[in-house]
Amino acid sequence: MEANQINEKIQELENWLIENPNSPERNLIESDIKKLQTLLNKK
């Protein structure tokens, strides 16, 4: 995955969190964001 694709995905997930603040999947989405940010930092 390219850096710009990772950034886009992070943005999509962050927007999802804003739109769904009380979702039971919140922890999973936050975890995915952290994984993507870690991946981005390695590039």
Protein backbone atom coordinates (compact mmCIF):
# COMPACT_ATOMS: atom_id res chain seq x y z
CA MET A 1 0.00 0.00 0.00
CA GLU A 2 1.32 3.42 -0.94
CA ALA A 3 1.72 6.17 1.66
CA ASN A 4 -1.08 8.25 0.14
CA GLN A 5 -3.42 5.22 0.22
CA ILE A 6 -2.58 4.66 3.89
CA ASN A 7 -3.27 8.32 4.65
CA GLU A 8 -6.61 8.11 2.84
CA LYS A 9 -7.58 4.99 4.78
CA ILE A 10 -6.60 6.62 8.10
CA GLN A 11 -8.75 9.63 7.17
CA GLU A 12 -11.70 7.37 6.29
CA LEU A 13 -11.42 5.55 9.62
CA GLU A 14 -11.11 8.79 11.58
CA ASN A 15 -14.20 10.14 9.82
CA TRP A 16 -16.03 6.92 10.66
CA LEU A 17 -15.15 7.42 14.34
CA ILE A 18 -16.50 10.96 14.24
CA GLU A 19 -19.75 9.77 12.65
CA ASN A 20 -20.10 6.74 14.97
CA PRO A 21 -18.80 7.90 18.36
CA ASN A 22 -20.67 5.25 20.39
CA SER A 23 -20.11 2.26 18.15
CA PRO A 24 -19.09 -1.04 19.76
CA GLU A 25 -16.48 -1.34 16.99
CA ARG A 26 -14.70 1.84 18.10
CA ASN A 27 -11.78 -0.01 19.72
CA LEU A 28 -11.26 -2.09 16.61
CA ILE A 29 -11.23 0.98 14.37
CA GLU A 30 -8.80 2.80 16.69
CA SER A 31 -6.55 -0.25 16.61
CA ASP A 32 -6.63 -0.29 12.81
CA ILE A 33 -5.71 3.41 12.72
CA LYS A 34 -2.71 2.76 14.99
CA LYS A 35 -1.58 -0.15 12.78
CA LEU A 36 -1.83 2.01 9.67
CA GLN A 37 0.06 4.87 11.33
CA THR A 38 2.81 2.45 12.36
CA LEU A 39 2.99 1.14 8.81
CA LEU A 40 3.17 4.70 7.48
CA ASN A 41 6.00 5.58 9.89
CA LYS A 42 8.06 2.66 8.56
CA LYS A 43 7.94 4.01 5.00
